[in-house]
Amino acid sequence: MRSTDYADELTDPAKVDFPDGGEGRLELLRFKQGTVAGDEGYRFSWWMDGRIMMRPMDCTEEQFLTLIRDAVTKGIFSAEMKQKIVDILS
């Protein structure tokens, strides 16, 4: 797992590959800085050549669903979080 001054990864990130060679990620992190220091949370990010891009991740609906599916498979979402998503969709 990666660890930076900003946060620690708590699981392997969910990933989706983009046609341009980039990658979208959904990461479960424990934050180390700012108002969320000590909290767990999620980061959506866009990566190129193994480096995070300082721009938002743009993706299609299908790419987003692929990313969410991978996140569920990798256990990124807690049971409570999954139930909250189900409640929202109901």
N, C-alpha and C. Protein backbone atom coordinates (compact mmCIF):
# COMPACT_ATOMS: atom_id res chain seq x y z
N MET A 1 0.84 -1.19 0.00
CA MET A 1 0.00 0.00 0.00
C MET A 1 0.89 1.25 0.00
N ARG A 2 0.41 2.24 -0.71
CA ARG A 2 1.15 3.50 -0.76
C ARG A 2 0.88 4.33 0.49
N SER A 3 1.89 5.09 0.89
CA SER A 3 1.75 6.03 1.98
C SER A 3 2.45 7.32 1.57
N THR A 4 1.76 8.44 1.70
CA THR A 4 2.34 9.74 1.39
C THR A 4 2.16 10.66 2.59
N ASP A 5 2.67 11.87 2.50
CA ASP A 5 2.44 12.86 3.56
C ASP A 5 0.96 13.19 3.70
N TYR A 6 0.20 12.98 2.63
CA TYR A 6 -1.21 13.33 2.59
C TYR A 6 -2.11 12.24 3.17
N ALA A 7 -1.81 10.96 2.82
CA ALA A 7 -2.72 9.88 3.22
C ALA A 7 -2.04 8.52 3.08
N ASP A 8 -2.67 7.53 3.73
CA ASP A 8 -2.28 6.13 3.59
C ASP A 8 -3.38 5.40 2.83
N GLU A 9 -2.99 4.57 1.86
CA GLU A 9 -3.96 3.70 1.20
C GLU A 9 -4.33 2.57 2.15
N LEU A 10 -5.62 2.24 2.22
CA LEU A 10 -6.08 1.18 3.10
C LEU A 10 -6.40 -0.11 2.35
N THR A 11 -6.58 -0.03 1.04
CA THR A 11 -6.81 -1.19 0.18
C THR A 11 -6.13 -0.92 -1.15
N ASP A 12 -6.03 -1.95 -1.97
CA ASP A 12 -5.60 -1.71 -3.35
C ASP A 12 -6.67 -0.85 -4.02
N PRO A 13 -6.28 0.13 -4.83
CA PRO A 13 -7.28 0.98 -5.47
C PRO A 13 -8.07 0.24 -6.54
N ALA A 14 -9.33 0.62 -6.71
CA ALA A 14 -10.12 0.17 -7.85
C ALA A 14 -9.60 0.94 -9.06
N LYS A 15 -9.60 0.29 -10.23
CA LYS A 15 -9.02 0.92 -11.41
C LYS A 15 -9.89 0.70 -12.64
N VAL A 16 -9.82 1.66 -13.54
CA VAL A 16 -10.40 1.52 -14.87
C VAL A 16 -9.38 2.09 -15.85
N ASP A 17 -9.14 1.38 -16.94
CA ASP A 17 -8.20 1.83 -17.96
C ASP A 17 -8.91 2.69 -18.99
N PHE A 18 -8.27 3.79 -19.38
CA PHE A 18 -8.80 4.68 -20.39
C PHE A 18 -8.08 4.45 -21.72
N PRO A 19 -8.76 4.74 -22.85
CA PRO A 19 -8.15 4.50 -24.17
C PRO A 19 -6.83 5.24 -24.40
N ASP A 20 -6.63 6.38 -23.74
CA ASP A 20 -5.40 7.16 -23.94
C ASP A 20 -4.22 6.63 -23.14
N GLY A 21 -4.41 5.50 -22.45
CA GLY A 21 -3.34 4.94 -21.63
C GLY A 21 -3.42 5.38 -20.19
N GLY A 22 -4.30 6.31 -19.88
CA GLY A 22 -4.48 6.75 -18.51
C GLY A 22 -5.29 5.75 -17.71
N GLU A 23 -5.47 6.07 -16.46
CA GLU A 23 -6.17 5.17 -15.54
C GLU A 23 -6.98 6.00 -14.56
N GLY A 24 -8.20 5.58 -14.32
CA GLY A 24 -9.01 6.17 -13.27
C GLY A 24 -8.92 5.30 -12.04
N ARG A 25 -8.92 5.92 -10.87
CA ARG A 25 -8.83 5.16 -9.63
C ARG A 25 -9.86 5.65 -8.62
N LEU A 26 -10.28 4.72 -7.79
CA LEU A 26 -11.07 5.02 -6.61
C LEU A 26 -10.31 4.39 -5.45
N GLU A 27 -9.89 5.23 -4.52
CA GLU A 27 -9.03 4.78 -3.43
C GLU A 27 -9.71 4.99 -2.08
N LEU A 28 -9.49 4.04 -1.18
CA LEU A 28 -9.90 4.20 0.21
C LEU A 28 -8.66 4.63 0.98
N LEU A 29 -8.75 5.80 1.61
CA LEU A 29 -7.59 6.41 2.25
C LEU A 29 -7.86 6.73 3.72
N ARG A 30 -6.78 6.81 4.50
CA ARG A 30 -6.82 7.44 5.82
C ARG A 30 -6.02 8.73 5.66
N PHE A 31 -6.72 9.84 5.82
CA PHE A 31 -6.12 11.15 5.59
C PHE A 31 -5.23 11.55 6.76
N LYS A 32 -4.17 12.27 6.46
CA LYS A 32 -3.21 12.71 7.48
C LYS A 32 -3.23 14.23 7.68
N GLN A 33 -3.87 14.97 6.77
CA GLN A 33 -3.79 16.42 6.82
C GLN A 33 -5.16 17.06 6.75
N GLY A 34 -5.21 18.31 7.15
CA GLY A 34 -6.41 19.13 6.98
C GLY A 34 -7.53 18.77 7.93
N THR A 35 -8.73 19.21 7.57
CA THR A 35 -9.88 19.03 8.45
C THR A 35 -10.34 17.58 8.52
N VAL A 36 -9.84 16.72 7.64
CA VAL A 36 -10.22 15.31 7.65
C VAL A 36 -9.11 14.41 8.21
N ALA A 37 -8.07 15.00 8.79
CA ALA A 37 -6.96 14.22 9.32
C ALA A 37 -7.47 13.16 10.29
N GLY A 38 -7.02 11.93 10.09
CA GLY A 38 -7.44 10.81 10.92
C GLY A 38 -8.67 10.09 10.41
N ASP A 39 -9.40 10.70 9.51
CA ASP A 39 -10.62 10.09 8.96
C ASP A 39 -10.30 9.21 7.76
N GLU A 40 -11.19 8.24 7.52
CA GLU A 40 -11.13 7.46 6.30
C GLU A 40 -12.06 8.09 5.27
N GLY A 41 -11.68 7.98 4.01
CA GLY A 41 -12.52 8.53 2.95
C GLY A 41 -12.06 8.05 1.59
N TYR A 42 -12.71 8.57 0.58
CA TYR A 42 -12.49 8.13 -0.80
C TYR A 42 -11.88 9.23 -1.65
N ARG A 43 -11.08 8.81 -2.62
CA ARG A 43 -10.55 9.75 -3.60
C ARG A 43 -10.72 9.15 -4.98
N PHE A 44 -11.37 9.90 -5.86
CA PHE A 44 -11.40 9.58 -7.29
C PHE A 44 -10.24 10.34 -7.91
N SER A 45 -9.45 9.68 -8.74
CA SER A 45 -8.29 10.35 -9.33
C SER A 45 -8.01 9.82 -10.72
N TRP A 46 -7.26 10.62 -11.47
CA TRP A 46 -6.85 10.29 -12.83
C TRP A 46 -5.33 10.19 -12.84
N TRP A 47 -4.80 9.12 -13.43
CA TRP A 47 -3.37 8.85 -13.45
C TRP A 47 -2.88 8.65 -14.88
N MET A 48 -1.68 9.14 -15.16
CA MET A 48 -0.98 8.91 -16.43
C MET A 48 0.46 8.55 -16.11
N ASP A 49 0.95 7.51 -16.75
CA ASP A 49 2.35 7.08 -16.57
C ASP A 49 2.72 6.90 -15.10
N GLY A 50 1.78 6.37 -14.31
CA GLY A 50 2.06 6.11 -12.89
C GLY A 50 2.06 7.34 -12.00
N ARG A 51 1.58 8.48 -12.52
CA ARG A 51 1.58 9.73 -11.74
C ARG A 51 0.17 10.31 -11.70
N ILE A 52 -0.21 10.79 -10.53
CA ILE A 52 -1.53 11.39 -10.38
C ILE A 52 -1.56 12.73 -11.12
N MET A 53 -2.63 12.97 -11.83
CA MET A 53 -2.81 14.22 -12.56
C MET A 53 -3.57 15.21 -11.67
N MET A 54 -3.20 16.44 -11.76
CA MET A 54 -3.83 17.49 -10.95
C MET A 54 -5.05 18.07 -11.65
N ARG A 55 -5.79 17.21 -12.32
CA ARG A 55 -7.04 17.59 -12.98
C ARG A 55 -8.08 16.56 -12.60
N PRO A 56 -9.34 16.90 -12.73
CA PRO A 56 -10.38 15.92 -12.39
C PRO A 56 -10.38 14.73 -13.33
N MET A 57 -10.90 13.62 -12.82
CA MET A 57 -11.05 12.43 -13.64
C MET A 57 -12.37 12.54 -14.40
N ASP A 58 -12.29 12.50 -15.71
CA ASP A 58 -13.48 12.46 -16.56
C ASP A 58 -13.66 11.03 -17.04
N CYS A 59 -14.90 10.54 -17.01
CA CYS A 59 -15.14 9.18 -17.48
C CYS A 59 -16.56 9.04 -17.99
N THR A 60 -16.76 8.03 -18.81
CA THR A 60 -18.09 7.71 -19.30
C THR A 60 -18.87 6.98 -18.21
N GLU A 61 -20.16 6.82 -18.44
CA GLU A 61 -20.98 6.06 -17.49
C GLU A 61 -20.46 4.63 -17.37
N GLU A 62 -20.13 4.01 -18.48
CA GLU A 62 -19.64 2.63 -18.45
C GLU A 62 -18.31 2.52 -17.70
N GLN A 63 -17.40 3.49 -17.91
CA GLN A 63 -16.13 3.49 -17.19
C GLN A 63 -16.37 3.68 -15.69
N PHE A 64 -17.31 4.55 -15.33
CA PHE A 64 -17.64 4.77 -13.93
C PHE A 64 -18.17 3.48 -13.30
N LEU A 65 -19.05 2.77 -14.01
CA LEU A 65 -19.59 1.52 -13.48
C LEU A 65 -18.50 0.46 -13.33
N THR A 66 -17.57 0.42 -14.27
CA THR A 66 -16.43 -0.50 -14.16
C THR A 66 -15.62 -0.20 -12.91
N LEU A 67 -15.39 1.08 -12.65
CA LEU A 67 -14.63 1.50 -11.47
C LEU A 67 -15.37 1.12 -10.18
N ILE A 68 -16.67 1.36 -10.13
CA ILE A 68 -17.45 1.02 -8.95
C ILE A 68 -17.48 -0.49 -8.74
N ARG A 69 -17.65 -1.25 -9.82
CA ARG A 69 -17.66 -2.71 -9.73
C ARG A 69 -16.34 -3.22 -9.15
N ASP A 70 -15.22 -2.67 -9.62
CA ASP A 70 -13.91 -3.07 -9.11
C ASP A 70 -13.77 -2.68 -7.64
N ALA A 71 -14.30 -1.53 -7.26
CA ALA A 71 -14.25 -1.09 -5.86
C ALA A 71 -15.00 -2.06 -4.95
N VAL A 72 -16.17 -2.49 -5.40
CA VAL A 72 -16.95 -3.45 -4.61
C VAL A 72 -16.18 -4.77 -4.49
N THR A 73 -15.62 -5.23 -5.61
CA THR A 73 -14.86 -6.48 -5.61
C THR A 73 -13.67 -6.42 -4.66
N LYS A 74 -13.01 -5.27 -4.59
CA LYS A 74 -11.81 -5.12 -3.76
C LYS A 74 -12.12 -4.73 -2.32
N GLY A 75 -13.40 -4.63 -1.97
CA GLY A 75 -13.76 -4.35 -0.58
C GLY A 75 -13.52 -2.92 -0.14
N ILE A 76 -13.51 -2.00 -1.09
CA ILE A 76 -13.28 -0.59 -0.77
C ILE A 76 -14.44 0.00 0.02
N PHE A 77 -15.66 -0.44 -0.27
CA PHE A 77 -16.83 0.07 0.43
C PHE A 77 -17.18 -0.82 1.61
N SER A 78 -17.43 -0.22 2.76
CA SER A 78 -17.90 -0.96 3.93
C SER A 78 -19.33 -1.44 3.68
N ALA A 79 -19.78 -2.39 4.49
CA ALA A 79 -21.16 -2.87 4.39
C ALA A 79 -22.13 -1.72 4.62
N GLU A 80 -21.80 -0.85 5.57
CA GLU A 80 -22.66 0.31 5.85
C GLU A 80 -22.74 1.24 4.64
N MET A 81 -21.63 1.49 3.99
CA MET A 81 -21.61 2.35 2.81
C MET A 81 -22.44 1.74 1.68
N LYS A 82 -22.27 0.43 1.46
CA LYS A 82 -23.05 -0.23 0.40
C LYS A 82 -24.54 -0.13 0.69
N GLN A 83 -24.94 -0.30 1.96
CA GLN A 83 -26.36 -0.20 2.31
C GLN A 83 -26.87 1.22 2.07
N LYS A 84 -26.07 2.22 2.38
CA LYS A 84 -26.48 3.61 2.14
C LYS A 84 -26.68 3.87 0.65
N ILE A 85 -25.82 3.30 -0.18
CA ILE A 85 -25.98 3.45 -1.63
C ILE A 85 -27.26 2.77 -2.08
N VAL A 86 -27.53 1.57 -1.58
CA VAL A 86 -28.77 0.87 -1.92
C VAL A 86 -29.99 1.72 -1.51
N ASP A 87 -29.93 2.30 -0.31
CA ASP A 87 -31.04 3.14 0.17
C ASP A 87 -31.26 4.34 -0.73
N ILE A 88 -30.19 4.95 -1.19
CA ILE A 88 -30.30 6.10 -2.09
C ILE A 88 -30.94 5.68 -3.40
N LEU A 89 -30.58 4.51 -3.90
CA LEU A 89 -31.10 4.04 -5.19
C LEU A 89 -32.51 3.50 -5.11
N SER A 90 -32.99 3.23 -3.92
CA SER A 90 -34.35 2.66 -3.75
C SER A 90 -35.41 3.72 -3.87
